[in-house]
Amino acid sequence: MIIHVPTNQELQTLEALRIHRRAHRASIPAQISGHVEQAKGGLTTGQKISDTVAKTVGSWKFIIIQSICILGWITYNSLNNANVWDPYPYILLNLMLSFQAAYTAPAIMMSQNRLSEIDRQQANNDFEVNVKAELEIELLHQKIDMMKEKELFALTKAVEALSQKLDVYRK
């Protein structure tokens, strides 16, 4: 049976993980209070508006309603030559759609930026969990190796004792 003796690099890595875990545990109260403050304050008015705009504009219901309105606009202005408010090149319609795009795009980007920040925080939390799991696994490996060494030492002593008894018995 071969006993794995940790190399200096493995021991340094393990010690770095331990230091990281201690630092992480020390910062947990600050992280918890930060999350509590964010939950208390909730979202700002701008964040709520940007989320609502992104949710509304990014739905099939909005696309269908807007398509029906545009088709109605074009149909009405194409068929009623006497009472048209926006003749064929549909400049007013184009202007309205340009305004819509000009205001919805930044609102959607704000919502996406906020969500990407949340994703970054979750990825950071996942990383912390992975580091902790790696450290715990490394510690378990170390404990198992120590238990194996003790068991092997005890077995070696038992074999030596039995060998001595056999030698005494044979003489």
Protein backbone atom coordinates (compact mmCIF):
# COMPACT_ATOMS: atom_id res chain seq x y z
CA MET A 1 0.00 0.00 0.00
CA ILE A 2 1.36 3.39 -1.04
CA ILE A 3 0.81 6.32 1.29
CA HIS A 4 0.39 9.70 -0.36
CA VAL A 5 2.53 12.33 1.29
CA PRO A 6 1.36 15.83 0.35
CA THR A 7 3.90 17.89 -1.58
CA ASN A 8 4.86 21.41 -0.57
CA GLN A 9 2.77 22.79 -3.43
CA GLU A 10 -0.30 20.86 -2.24
CA LEU A 11 0.25 22.04 1.32
CA GLN A 12 0.63 25.65 0.13
CA THR A 13 -2.56 25.38 -1.91
CA LEU A 14 -4.40 23.91 1.07
CA GLU A 15 -3.13 26.69 3.31
CA ALA A 16 -4.20 29.32 0.74
CA LEU A 17 -7.67 27.77 0.67
CA ARG A 18 -7.81 27.84 4.47
CA ILE A 19 -6.84 31.53 4.51
CA HIS A 20 -9.46 32.24 1.86
CA ARG A 21 -12.11 30.39 3.87
CA ARG A 22 -11.23 32.31 7.04
CA ALA A 23 -11.41 35.63 5.17
CA HIS A 24 -14.72 34.63 3.62
CA ARG A 25 -16.18 33.63 6.98
CA ALA A 26 -15.04 36.93 8.47
CA SER A 27 -16.84 38.87 5.71
CA ILE A 28 -20.14 36.97 5.99
CA PRO A 29 -21.77 39.38 8.51
CA ALA A 30 -21.04 42.33 6.18
CA GLN A 31 -22.46 40.46 3.20
CA ILE A 32 -25.60 39.52 5.10
CA SER A 33 -26.19 43.09 6.26
CA GLY A 34 -25.67 44.32 2.67
CA HIS A 35 -28.29 41.90 1.37
CA VAL A 36 -30.69 42.90 4.16
CA GLU A 37 -30.27 46.60 3.31
CA GLN A 38 -30.87 45.86 -0.38
CA ALA A 39 -34.00 43.85 0.48
CA LYS A 40 -35.28 46.63 2.75
CA GLY A 41 -34.75 49.34 0.15
CA GLY A 42 -36.01 47.20 -2.67
CA LEU A 43 -35.66 48.48 -6.17
CA THR A 44 -35.44 52.12 -7.07
CA THR A 45 -38.17 53.71 -9.15
CA GLY A 46 -35.91 53.71 -12.20
CA GLN A 47 -35.12 50.02 -11.76
CA LYS A 48 -38.81 49.20 -11.42
CA ILE A 49 -39.62 51.17 -14.58
CA SER A 50 -36.81 49.58 -16.58
CA ASP A 51 -37.86 46.09 -15.46
CA THR A 52 -41.50 46.80 -16.36
CA VAL A 53 -40.53 48.18 -19.78
CA ALA A 54 -38.26 45.20 -20.48
CA LYS A 55 -40.94 42.76 -19.35
CA THR A 56 -43.65 44.45 -21.41
CA VAL A 57 -41.68 45.06 -24.60
CA GLY A 58 -40.15 41.60 -24.45
CA SER A 59 -43.49 39.79 -24.56
CA TRP A 60 -45.45 38.21 -27.37
CA LYS A 61 -48.54 40.08 -26.23
CA PHE A 62 -46.80 43.41 -26.89
CA ILE A 63 -45.47 42.28 -30.29
CA ILE A 64 -48.92 41.08 -31.39
CA ILE A 65 -50.71 44.22 -30.18
CA GLN A 66 -48.11 46.49 -31.75
CA SER A 67 -48.27 44.57 -35.05
CA ILE A 68 -52.07 44.87 -35.10
CA CYS A 69 -51.85 48.61 -34.38
CA ILE A 70 -49.28 49.17 -37.14
CA LEU A 71 -51.31 47.13 -39.62
CA GLY A 72 -54.45 49.09 -38.66
CA TRP A 73 -52.57 52.38 -39.02
CA ILE A 74 -51.25 51.47 -42.47
CA THR A 75 -54.59 50.02 -43.61
CA TYR A 76 -56.60 53.05 -42.46
CA ASN A 77 -54.18 55.53 -44.03
CA SER A 78 -53.98 53.55 -47.27
CA LEU A 79 -57.73 53.04 -47.78
CA ASN A 80 -59.08 56.44 -46.65
CA ASN A 81 -57.61 58.95 -49.07
CA ALA A 82 -59.79 61.84 -47.85
CA ASN A 83 -59.27 61.57 -44.05
CA VAL A 84 -55.63 60.50 -43.74
CA TRP A 85 -53.44 61.95 -41.05
CA ASP A 86 -50.30 60.10 -42.16
CA PRO A 87 -50.03 59.58 -45.95
CA TYR A 88 -48.08 56.83 -47.68
CA PRO A 89 -44.47 57.17 -46.53
CA TYR A 90 -46.01 57.05 -43.00
CA ILE A 91 -43.61 59.61 -41.56
CA LEU A 92 -45.64 60.02 -38.35
CA LEU A 93 -45.67 56.25 -37.80
CA ASN A 94 -41.95 56.11 -38.43
CA LEU A 95 -41.39 58.96 -35.96
CA MET A 96 -43.50 57.22 -33.28
CA LEU A 97 -41.63 53.93 -33.73
CA SER A 98 -38.29 55.78 -33.58
CA PHE A 99 -39.31 57.43 -30.30
CA GLN A 100 -40.41 54.08 -28.94
CA ALA A 101 -37.06 52.51 -29.87
CA ALA A 102 -35.10 55.48 -28.52
CA TYR A 103 -36.72 55.20 -25.09
CA THR A 104 -37.17 51.46 -24.71
CA ALA A 105 -33.62 50.46 -25.70
CA PRO A 106 -31.91 52.29 -22.79
CA ALA A 107 -34.56 51.05 -20.35
CA ILE A 108 -33.99 47.47 -21.50
CA MET A 109 -30.21 47.94 -21.23
CA MET A 110 -30.56 49.25 -17.65
CA SER A 111 -32.63 46.20 -16.73
CA GLN A 112 -30.13 43.86 -18.39
CA ASN A 113 -27.20 45.58 -16.64
CA ARG A 114 -28.88 45.12 -13.28
CA LEU A 115 -29.64 41.48 -14.03
CA SER A 116 -26.06 40.87 -15.19
CA GLU A 117 -24.82 42.35 -11.90
CA ILE A 118 -27.09 39.91 -10.06
CA ASP A 119 -25.70 37.08 -12.22
CA ARG A 120 -22.13 38.16 -11.41
CA GLN A 121 -22.95 38.11 -7.70
CA GLN A 122 -24.48 34.63 -8.03
CA ALA A 123 -21.41 33.44 -9.95
CA ASN A 124 -19.21 34.84 -7.20
CA ASN A 125 -21.31 33.03 -4.60
CA ASP A 126 -21.02 29.81 -6.62
CA PHE A 127 -17.26 30.28 -6.75
CA GLU A 128 -17.13 30.71 -2.98
CA VAL A 129 -19.14 27.52 -2.50
CA ASN A 130 -16.85 25.65 -4.89
CA VAL A 131 -13.74 26.86 -3.07
CA LYS A 132 -15.22 25.80 0.24
CA ALA A 133 -16.19 22.39 -1.16
CA GLU A 134 -12.68 21.96 -2.57
CA LEU A 135 -11.19 22.80 0.79
CA GLU A 136 -13.49 20.40 2.60
CA ILE A 137 -12.68 17.61 0.15
CA GLU A 138 -8.96 18.27 0.57
CA LEU A 139 -9.35 18.16 4.35
CA LEU A 140 -11.27 14.88 4.09
CA HIS A 141 -8.51 13.41 1.92
CA GLN A 142 -5.97 14.49 4.50
CA LYS A 143 -7.98 12.89 7.33
CA ILE A 144 -8.42 9.65 5.39
CA ASP A 145 -4.69 9.55 4.63
CA MET A 146 -3.91 10.04 8.32
CA MET A 147 -6.37 7.30 9.28
CA LYS A 148 -4.76 4.95 6.75
CA GLU A 149 -1.31 5.76 8.10
CA LYS A 150 -2.44 5.04 11.67
CA GLU A 151 -4.13 1.82 10.59
CA LEU A 152 -1.06 0.73 8.65
CA PHE A 153 1.16 1.56 11.62
CA ALA A 154 -1.12 -0.40 13.95
CA LEU A 155 -1.15 -3.37 11.56
CA THR A 156 2.63 -3.23 11.25
CA LYS A 157 2.96 -3.27 15.05
CA ALA A 158 0.51 -6.17 15.29
CA VAL A 159 2.45 -8.16 12.66
CA GLU A 160 5.71 -7.45 14.48
CA ALA A 161 4.18 -8.55 17.78
CA LEU A 162 2.83 -11.74 16.21
CA SER A 163 6.17 -12.39 14.55
CA GLN A 164 7.92 -12.04 17.89
CA LYS A 165 5.44 -14.41 19.52
CA LEU A 166 5.94 -16.92 16.70
CA ASP A 167 9.70 -16.62 17.07
CA VAL A 168 9.38 -17.24 20.83
CA TYR A 169 7.02 -20.14 20.23
CA ARG A 170 9.34 -21.73 17.63
CA LYS A 171 12.33 -21.62 19.96
